[in-house]
Protein backbone atom coordinates (compact mmCIF):
# COMPACT_ATOMS: atom_id res chain seq x y z
CA UNK A 1 -55.41 -20.95 12.65
CA UNK A 2 -56.57 -24.01 10.64
CA UNK A 3 -54.70 -26.53 9.48
CA UNK A 4 -53.89 -25.21 6.01
CA UNK A 5 -53.06 -21.65 7.56
CA UNK A 6 -50.66 -23.25 10.00
CA UNK A 7 -48.74 -25.23 7.16
CA UNK A 8 -48.88 -22.19 5.37
CA UNK A 9 -46.72 -20.16 8.05
CA UNK A 10 -44.18 -23.64 8.67
CA UNK A 11 -43.51 -23.54 5.24
CA UNK A 12 -43.08 -19.31 5.23
CA UNK A 13 -41.40 -18.99 8.19
CA UNK A 14 -43.57 -16.92 9.68
CA UNK A 15 -42.65 -15.21 13.20
CA UNK A 16 -45.78 -13.64 13.22
CA UNK A 17 -47.01 -17.04 13.87
CA UNK A 18 -44.71 -17.91 17.07
CA UNK A 19 -46.62 -18.29 19.73
CA UNK A 20 -49.70 -18.70 18.36
CA UNK A 21 -48.57 -22.41 17.82
CA UNK A 22 -45.91 -24.97 17.55
CA UNK A 23 -45.42 -28.30 15.16
CA UNK A 24 -43.50 -31.24 15.73
CA UNK A 25 -42.04 -33.53 13.13
CA UNK A 26 -42.59 -37.07 13.64
CA UNK A 27 -39.22 -38.62 12.23
CA UNK A 28 -37.19 -35.98 14.14
CA UNK A 29 -39.03 -36.09 17.58
CA UNK A 30 -38.46 -32.49 17.83
CA UNK A 31 -41.15 -29.39 17.99
CA UNK A 32 -40.02 -25.92 16.85
CA UNK A 33 -41.86 -22.39 16.21
CA UNK A 34 -43.41 -21.74 12.95
CA UNK A 35 -40.15 -19.23 12.20
CA UNK A 36 -38.10 -22.03 12.20
CA UNK A 37 -35.15 -21.96 9.47
CA UNK A 38 -34.41 -25.51 10.05
CA UNK A 39 -35.07 -27.71 6.58
CA UNK A 40 -38.67 -28.01 5.43
CA UNK A 41 -40.30 -31.12 6.60
CA UNK A 42 -42.72 -33.35 4.65
CA UNK A 43 -46.26 -32.57 5.36
CA UNK A 44 -47.34 -36.14 6.78
CA UNK A 45 -44.59 -36.20 9.03
CA UNK A 46 -45.96 -32.66 10.87
CA UNK A 47 -48.35 -32.36 13.85
CA UNK A 48 -49.34 -28.95 15.43
CA UNK A 49 -49.51 -28.05 18.90
CA UNK A 50 -51.45 -25.31 20.44
CA UNK A 51 -48.92 -24.91 23.46
CA UNK A 52 -45.15 -26.21 23.76
CA UNK A 53 -46.29 -28.00 26.87
CA UNK A 54 -48.51 -30.22 24.71
CA UNK A 55 -45.57 -30.63 22.23
CA UNK A 56 -43.16 -31.65 25.22
CA UNK A 57 -46.33 -34.00 26.55
CA UNK A 58 -46.35 -36.08 23.44
CA UNK A 59 -42.99 -36.97 23.83
CA UNK A 60 -40.85 -34.19 21.77
CA UNK A 61 -38.22 -32.21 22.03
CA UNK A 62 -37.37 -28.71 21.48
CA UNK A 63 -35.41 -27.72 18.74
CA UNK A 64 -32.00 -26.30 19.30
CA UNK A 65 -32.07 -23.96 16.85
CA UNK A 66 -35.08 -21.89 17.15
CA UNK A 67 -35.46 -22.84 21.00
CA UNK A 68 -39.37 -23.10 21.05
CA UNK A 69 -39.02 -23.96 24.82
CA UNK A 70 -37.71 -20.22 25.62
CA UNK A 71 -39.57 -16.60 25.78
CA UNK A 72 -37.75 -14.10 23.05
CA UNK A 73 -35.43 -16.34 21.81
CA UNK A 74 -34.18 -14.95 18.39
CA UNK A 75 -30.99 -16.94 17.01
CA UNK A 76 -30.83 -14.21 14.68
CA UNK A 77 -30.11 -11.80 17.53
CA UNK A 78 -27.50 -13.95 18.97
CA UNK A 79 -25.83 -14.66 15.85
CA UNK A 80 -25.70 -10.78 15.32
CA UNK A 81 -23.78 -10.66 18.61
CA UNK A 82 -21.64 -13.01 17.80
CA UNK A 83 -20.67 -11.07 14.67
CA UNK A 84 -20.11 -8.02 16.68
CA UNK A 85 -17.97 -9.39 18.54
CA UNK A 86 -15.77 -10.78 16.12
CA UNK A 87 -15.86 -7.43 14.20
CA UNK A 88 -14.95 -5.72 17.37
CA UNK A 89 -12.08 -8.12 18.25
CA UNK A 90 -10.69 -8.45 14.74
CA UNK A 91 -9.21 -4.96 14.79
CA UNK A 92 -7.98 -3.77 11.43
CA UNK A 93 -6.91 -6.99 10.37
CA UNK A 94 -8.87 -8.14 7.28
CA UNK A 95 -7.30 -11.51 7.03
CA UNK A 96 -8.03 -12.45 10.92
CA UNK A 97 -11.83 -10.89 10.31
CA UNK A 98 -12.47 -13.28 7.41
CA UNK A 99 -11.10 -16.15 9.28
CA UNK A 100 -12.93 -15.53 12.53
CA UNK A 101 -16.12 -15.14 10.45
CA UNK A 102 -15.43 -18.06 8.96
CA UNK A 103 -15.60 -19.97 12.33
CA UNK A 104 -19.35 -19.16 12.40
CA UNK A 105 -20.59 -21.40 10.07
CA UNK A 106 -22.30 -19.37 7.77
CA UNK A 107 -21.51 -17.99 4.60
CA UNK A 108 -20.00 -14.23 4.51
CA UNK A 109 -23.10 -12.83 2.60
CA UNK A 110 -25.20 -14.53 5.12
CA UNK A 111 -23.53 -13.14 7.86
CA UNK A 112 -23.54 -9.71 6.29
CA UNK A 113 -27.27 -10.07 6.11
CA UNK A 114 -27.85 -10.56 9.57
CA UNK A 115 -25.48 -7.84 10.84
CA UNK A 116 -27.44 -5.97 8.62
CA UNK A 117 -30.67 -6.75 9.61
CA UNK A 118 -30.58 -6.31 13.35
CA UNK A 119 -27.72 -3.37 13.16
CA UNK A 120 -28.50 -1.38 9.95
CA UNK A 121 -25.17 -1.80 8.70
CA UNK A 122 -23.06 -4.89 6.78
CA UNK A 123 -20.04 -6.13 8.59
CA UNK A 124 -18.28 -4.03 5.77
CA UNK A 125 -20.55 -0.87 7.36
CA UNK A 126 -19.78 -1.82 10.84
CA UNK A 127 -16.08 -2.30 10.30
CA UNK A 128 -15.42 1.12 8.73
CA UNK A 129 -17.69 2.71 11.28
CA UNK A 130 -14.99 0.69 14.06
CA UNK A 131 -11.86 2.30 11.84
CA UNK A 132 -13.44 5.69 11.55
CA UNK A 133 -14.02 6.17 15.01
CA UNK A 134 -10.23 5.16 15.89
CA UNK A 135 -8.85 7.02 13.17
CA UNK A 136 -10.75 9.75 14.63
CA UNK A 137 -9.84 9.34 18.14
CA UNK A 138 -6.12 9.02 16.70
CA UNK A 139 -6.19 12.14 15.08
CA UNK A 140 -7.82 13.75 17.74
CA UNK A 141 -5.93 12.24 21.30
CA UNK A 142 -2.01 11.59 19.76
CA UNK A 143 0.65 13.44 18.04
CA UNK A 144 0.91 10.21 15.70
CA UNK A 145 1.85 11.34 12.26
CA UNK A 146 -1.13 10.89 9.78
CA UNK A 147 1.08 8.27 7.59
CA UNK A 148 1.76 6.60 11.14
CA UNK A 149 -2.32 6.37 11.91
CA UNK A 150 -3.00 5.11 8.55
CA UNK A 151 -0.55 2.18 8.68
CA UNK A 152 -1.90 1.56 12.27
CA UNK A 153 -5.20 0.98 10.97
CA UNK A 154 -4.54 -1.33 8.19
CA UNK A 155 -4.45 0.91 4.93
CA UNK A 156 -2.04 -0.12 2.57
CA UNK A 157 -1.21 3.44 1.41
CA UNK A 158 -1.82 7.21 2.93
CA UNK A 159 -4.06 7.38 -0.26
CA UNK A 160 -6.26 5.01 0.83
CA UNK A 161 -6.86 6.20 4.32
CA UNK A 162 -7.19 9.66 2.73
CA UNK A 163 -10.07 8.29 0.37
CA UNK A 164 -11.49 6.28 2.90
CA UNK A 165 -11.62 9.37 5.62
CA UNK A 166 -13.04 11.70 3.02
CA UNK A 167 -15.84 9.41 1.99
CA UNK A 168 -17.04 9.33 5.53
CA UNK A 169 -16.42 12.88 6.80
CA UNK A 170 -16.52 14.69 3.42
CA UNK A 171 -13.18 16.29 5.28
CA UNK A 172 -9.33 15.20 4.82
CA UNK A 173 -7.81 13.86 8.09
CA UNK A 174 -5.78 16.59 8.20
CA UNK A 175 -8.98 18.87 8.38
CA UNK A 176 -10.76 17.29 11.15
CA UNK A 177 -7.53 16.72 13.45
CA UNK A 178 -7.45 20.76 13.02
CA UNK A 179 -11.57 21.08 13.50
CA UNK A 180 -10.95 18.53 16.47
CA UNK A 181 -8.50 20.55 17.70
CA UNK A 182 -10.24 24.01 17.52
CA UNK A 183 -11.49 23.80 21.34
CA UNK A 184 -8.15 24.38 22.29
CA UNK A 185 -8.18 27.73 20.14
CA UNK A 186 -11.40 28.82 22.15
CA UNK A 187 -13.45 27.90 18.95
CA UNK A 188 -17.18 26.96 18.90
CA UNK A 189 -19.29 25.31 16.68
CA UNK A 190 -23.04 26.03 16.60
CA UNK A 191 -25.42 24.59 14.00
CA UNK A 192 -28.61 26.65 12.64
CA UNK A 193 -31.78 25.62 10.48
CA UNK A 194 -31.77 27.97 7.29
CA UNK A 195 -34.20 27.92 4.23
CA UNK A 196 -30.90 25.82 2.51
CA UNK A 197 -30.84 23.38 5.29
CA UNK A 198 -28.58 23.17 8.23
CA UNK A 199 -25.62 25.20 8.35
CA UNK A 200 -22.44 24.91 10.51
CA UNK A 201 -20.58 27.85 12.22
CA UNK A 202 -16.79 27.72 13.49
CA UNK A 203 -16.44 31.13 15.27
CA UNK A 204 -14.08 32.58 18.40
CA UNK A 205 -12.92 36.18 19.32
CA UNK A 206 -11.15 36.99 16.15
CA UNK A 207 -14.28 36.33 13.98
CA UNK A 208 -15.66 33.56 11.78
CA UNK A 209 -13.30 30.48 11.14
CA UNK A 210 -15.83 28.10 9.37
CA UNK A 211 -19.25 28.54 7.53
CA UNK A 212 -20.29 24.83 5.75
CA UNK A 213 -23.56 23.62 4.34
CA UNK A 214 -25.04 20.78 6.74
CA UNK A 215 -24.17 19.27 10.20
CA UNK A 216 -20.19 19.54 10.35
CA UNK A 217 -19.35 20.08 13.98
CA UNK A 218 -16.59 18.13 14.68
CA UNK A 219 -17.53 15.28 17.94
CA UNK A 220 -15.85 16.62 20.98
CA UNK A 221 -15.53 19.81 20.39
CA UNK A 222 -17.62 22.77 22.17
CA UNK A 223 -21.13 23.37 20.36
CA UNK A 224 -22.45 26.88 21.77
CA UNK A 225 -23.92 29.92 20.16
CA UNK A 226 -21.98 33.29 20.65
CA UNK A 227 -22.79 36.43 19.63
CA UNK A 228 -20.40 36.77 16.73
CA UNK A 229 -22.03 33.03 15.22
CA UNK A 230 -25.51 34.50 15.53
CA UNK A 231 -24.63 37.68 13.92
CA UNK A 232 -23.11 35.18 10.82
CA UNK A 233 -26.53 33.17 11.01
CA UNK A 234 -28.69 36.43 10.69
CA UNK A 235 -26.45 37.88 7.61
CA UNK A 236 -26.84 33.95 5.96
CA UNK A 237 -30.45 34.23 6.41
CA UNK A 238 -30.76 38.00 4.89
CA UNK A 239 -28.66 36.75 2.03
CA UNK A 240 -30.57 33.84 1.70
CA UNK A 241 -33.80 36.11 1.33
CA UNK A 242 -31.88 38.43 -1.27
CA UNK A 243 -32.25 41.58 1.00
CA UNK A 244 -28.13 41.77 1.81
CA UNK A 245 -25.12 41.60 -0.50
CA UNK A 246 -22.40 42.18 1.27
CA UNK A 247 -21.31 40.50 4.88
CA UNK A 248 -20.15 42.55 7.50
CA UNK A 249 -19.26 39.63 10.14
CA UNK A 250 -15.47 39.69 10.97
CA UNK A 251 -13.57 36.63 9.21
CA UNK A 252 -10.61 34.86 9.59
CA UNK A 253 -8.39 33.29 7.08
CA UNK A 254 -6.90 30.10 7.75
CA UNK A 255 -5.17 28.85 4.21
CA UNK A 256 -1.72 29.22 2.78
CA UNK A 257 -0.58 32.63 1.59
CA UNK A 258 -1.55 31.38 -2.34
CA UNK A 259 -4.90 30.10 -0.89
CA UNK A 260 -5.60 33.06 1.14
CA UNK A 261 -4.65 35.45 -2.04
CA UNK A 262 -7.44 33.52 -4.02
CA UNK A 263 -10.13 34.16 -1.64
CA UNK A 264 -9.51 37.96 -1.44
CA UNK A 265 -9.63 38.16 -4.93
CA UNK A 266 -13.09 35.90 -4.91
CA UNK A 267 -14.69 38.85 -2.65
CA UNK A 268 -13.81 41.57 -5.19
CA UNK A 269 -16.40 39.64 -7.43
CA UNK A 270 -19.58 42.02 -7.51
CA UNK A 271 -22.44 40.26 -6.14
CA UNK A 272 -24.44 38.86 -9.04
CA UNK A 273 -21.75 38.52 -11.49
CA UNK A 274 -19.63 35.48 -12.29
CA UNK A 275 -15.62 34.93 -12.92
CA UNK A 276 -14.33 31.90 -14.49
CA UNK A 277 -11.43 30.00 -13.00
CA UNK A 278 -9.17 31.31 -15.61
CA UNK A 279 -10.00 34.64 -15.07
CA UNK A 280 -9.23 34.61 -11.08
CA UNK A 281 -5.78 33.27 -12.45
CA UNK A 282 -5.23 36.32 -14.35
CA UNK A 283 -5.99 38.55 -11.94
CA UNK A 284 -3.93 37.35 -9.22
CA UNK A 285 -1.23 37.16 -11.92
CA UNK A 286 -0.70 33.71 -12.18
CA UNK A 287 -2.48 32.93 -15.50
CA UNK A 288 -1.71 29.28 -15.67
CA UNK A 289 -2.91 28.63 -12.19
CA UNK A 290 -6.32 27.48 -12.85
CA UNK A 291 -5.99 24.34 -12.10
CA UNK A 292 -4.81 25.67 -8.69
CA UNK A 293 -7.39 28.16 -8.00
CA UNK A 294 -10.20 25.19 -8.16
CA UNK A 295 -7.84 23.74 -5.47
CA UNK A 296 -7.97 26.67 -3.41
CA UNK A 297 -11.57 27.10 -3.77
CA UNK A 298 -11.92 23.54 -2.85
CA UNK A 299 -10.17 24.44 0.26
CA UNK A 300 -12.81 27.57 1.09
CA UNK A 301 -14.08 26.92 4.68
CA UNK A 302 -15.95 30.26 4.82
CA UNK A 303 -18.95 29.49 1.92
CA UNK A 304 -20.87 32.07 0.92
CA UNK A 305 -19.22 34.42 3.05
CA UNK A 306 -16.12 33.83 0.71
CA UNK A 307 -17.98 33.73 -2.43
CA UNK A 308 -16.41 30.46 -4.39
CA UNK A 309 -19.56 29.73 -5.67
CA UNK A 310 -19.54 32.83 -8.10
CA UNK A 311 -16.61 30.99 -9.77
CA UNK A 312 -17.79 28.98 -12.91
CA UNK A 313 -16.04 27.20 -15.54
CA UNK A 314 -15.00 28.75 -19.15
CA UNK A 315 -18.29 27.52 -20.72
CA UNK A 316 -20.23 29.17 -18.14
CA UNK A 317 -20.73 25.19 -16.19
CA UNK A 318 -21.80 25.08 -12.64
CA UNK A 319 -18.07 23.21 -12.16
CA UNK A 320 -17.77 22.06 -8.17
CA UNK A 321 -18.90 23.34 -5.27
CA UNK A 322 -18.29 21.88 -1.72
CA UNK A 323 -21.84 22.51 -0.83
CA UNK A 324 -23.17 20.45 -3.95
CA UNK A 325 -24.27 21.94 -7.46
CA UNK A 326 -28.05 22.45 -6.67
CA UNK A 327 -27.00 25.14 -3.87
CA UNK A 328 -24.34 26.70 -5.91
CA UNK A 329 -27.24 27.05 -8.61
CA UNK A 330 -29.40 28.40 -5.62
CA UNK A 331 -27.11 30.63 -4.40
CA UNK A 332 -26.79 32.16 -8.12
CA UNK A 333 -30.34 32.27 -8.78
CA UNK A 334 -30.87 34.42 -5.57
CA UNK A 335 -27.57 36.58 -6.71
CA UNK A 336 -29.51 37.13 -10.41
CA UNK A 337 -32.46 38.07 -9.12
CA UNK A 338 -31.80 40.38 -6.47
CA UNK A 339 -28.77 41.89 -8.36
């Protein structure tokens, strides 16, 4: 590298130039790596050396920020480790977390940038991930009520905890607890790959307990394919290819009496046809219950097997579907084309 290239590496803090040369500042008596984030020196005060030994022999001391005297020293990695330690030790106490972060001597924004670069998560994302794991552990391994868990993890209200948990898991805390305890009921979960992407199927000897789009198998629950889950996956593949209109695999209803009543009515909707929420409400003798029908649909864990995708808005809009509107539209298209 010539002098111009070296100077450009210094002012740009070019990490790729580290090890190629070192620079020293005459006014401070310190030498650094090109990537050092210390205040930019004046060019007339800078000397460059090919090795750190030459800089030391010339009477310069190693910088305590970039540590050019140490191999593979990464100050940001060290700071990221401190951030991680602070977040983990602060627990759910947000005020304590902020106080501990301030003690590190960097702005909150800079610390979050360092954390993101090192671990792929901002401070808030990392803290939330720890809270989520703590919540999952309590839901799975304790008998604490959900409201007690919420307050123990620093949430100000039960609704805040529900919103937090659902946003990160697509499940309510109660749904997660039920799924996490499923292993005690002999339920196993399996991930199958279909033309619509991964599908999670949960089953026991009684039948299929859950079928959801995406990889939704709960952590810690047995994940083994069984003959009954294989059958469900095979029938689903046939359905997605337009070769099957009805499912023969046995299913297990898990819900309130009203929800089960709604789901059984959904099974009466013919293949390739649609019903509105109002029509379903009228069919079960509850003409003012369209909103409740929508809520029951949202709780359907047996997607496609119980065809909640056939329920649409009164104006024909494809409103609401746990698998996503895109998947709902594709399912309806398959049925229209193969009716």
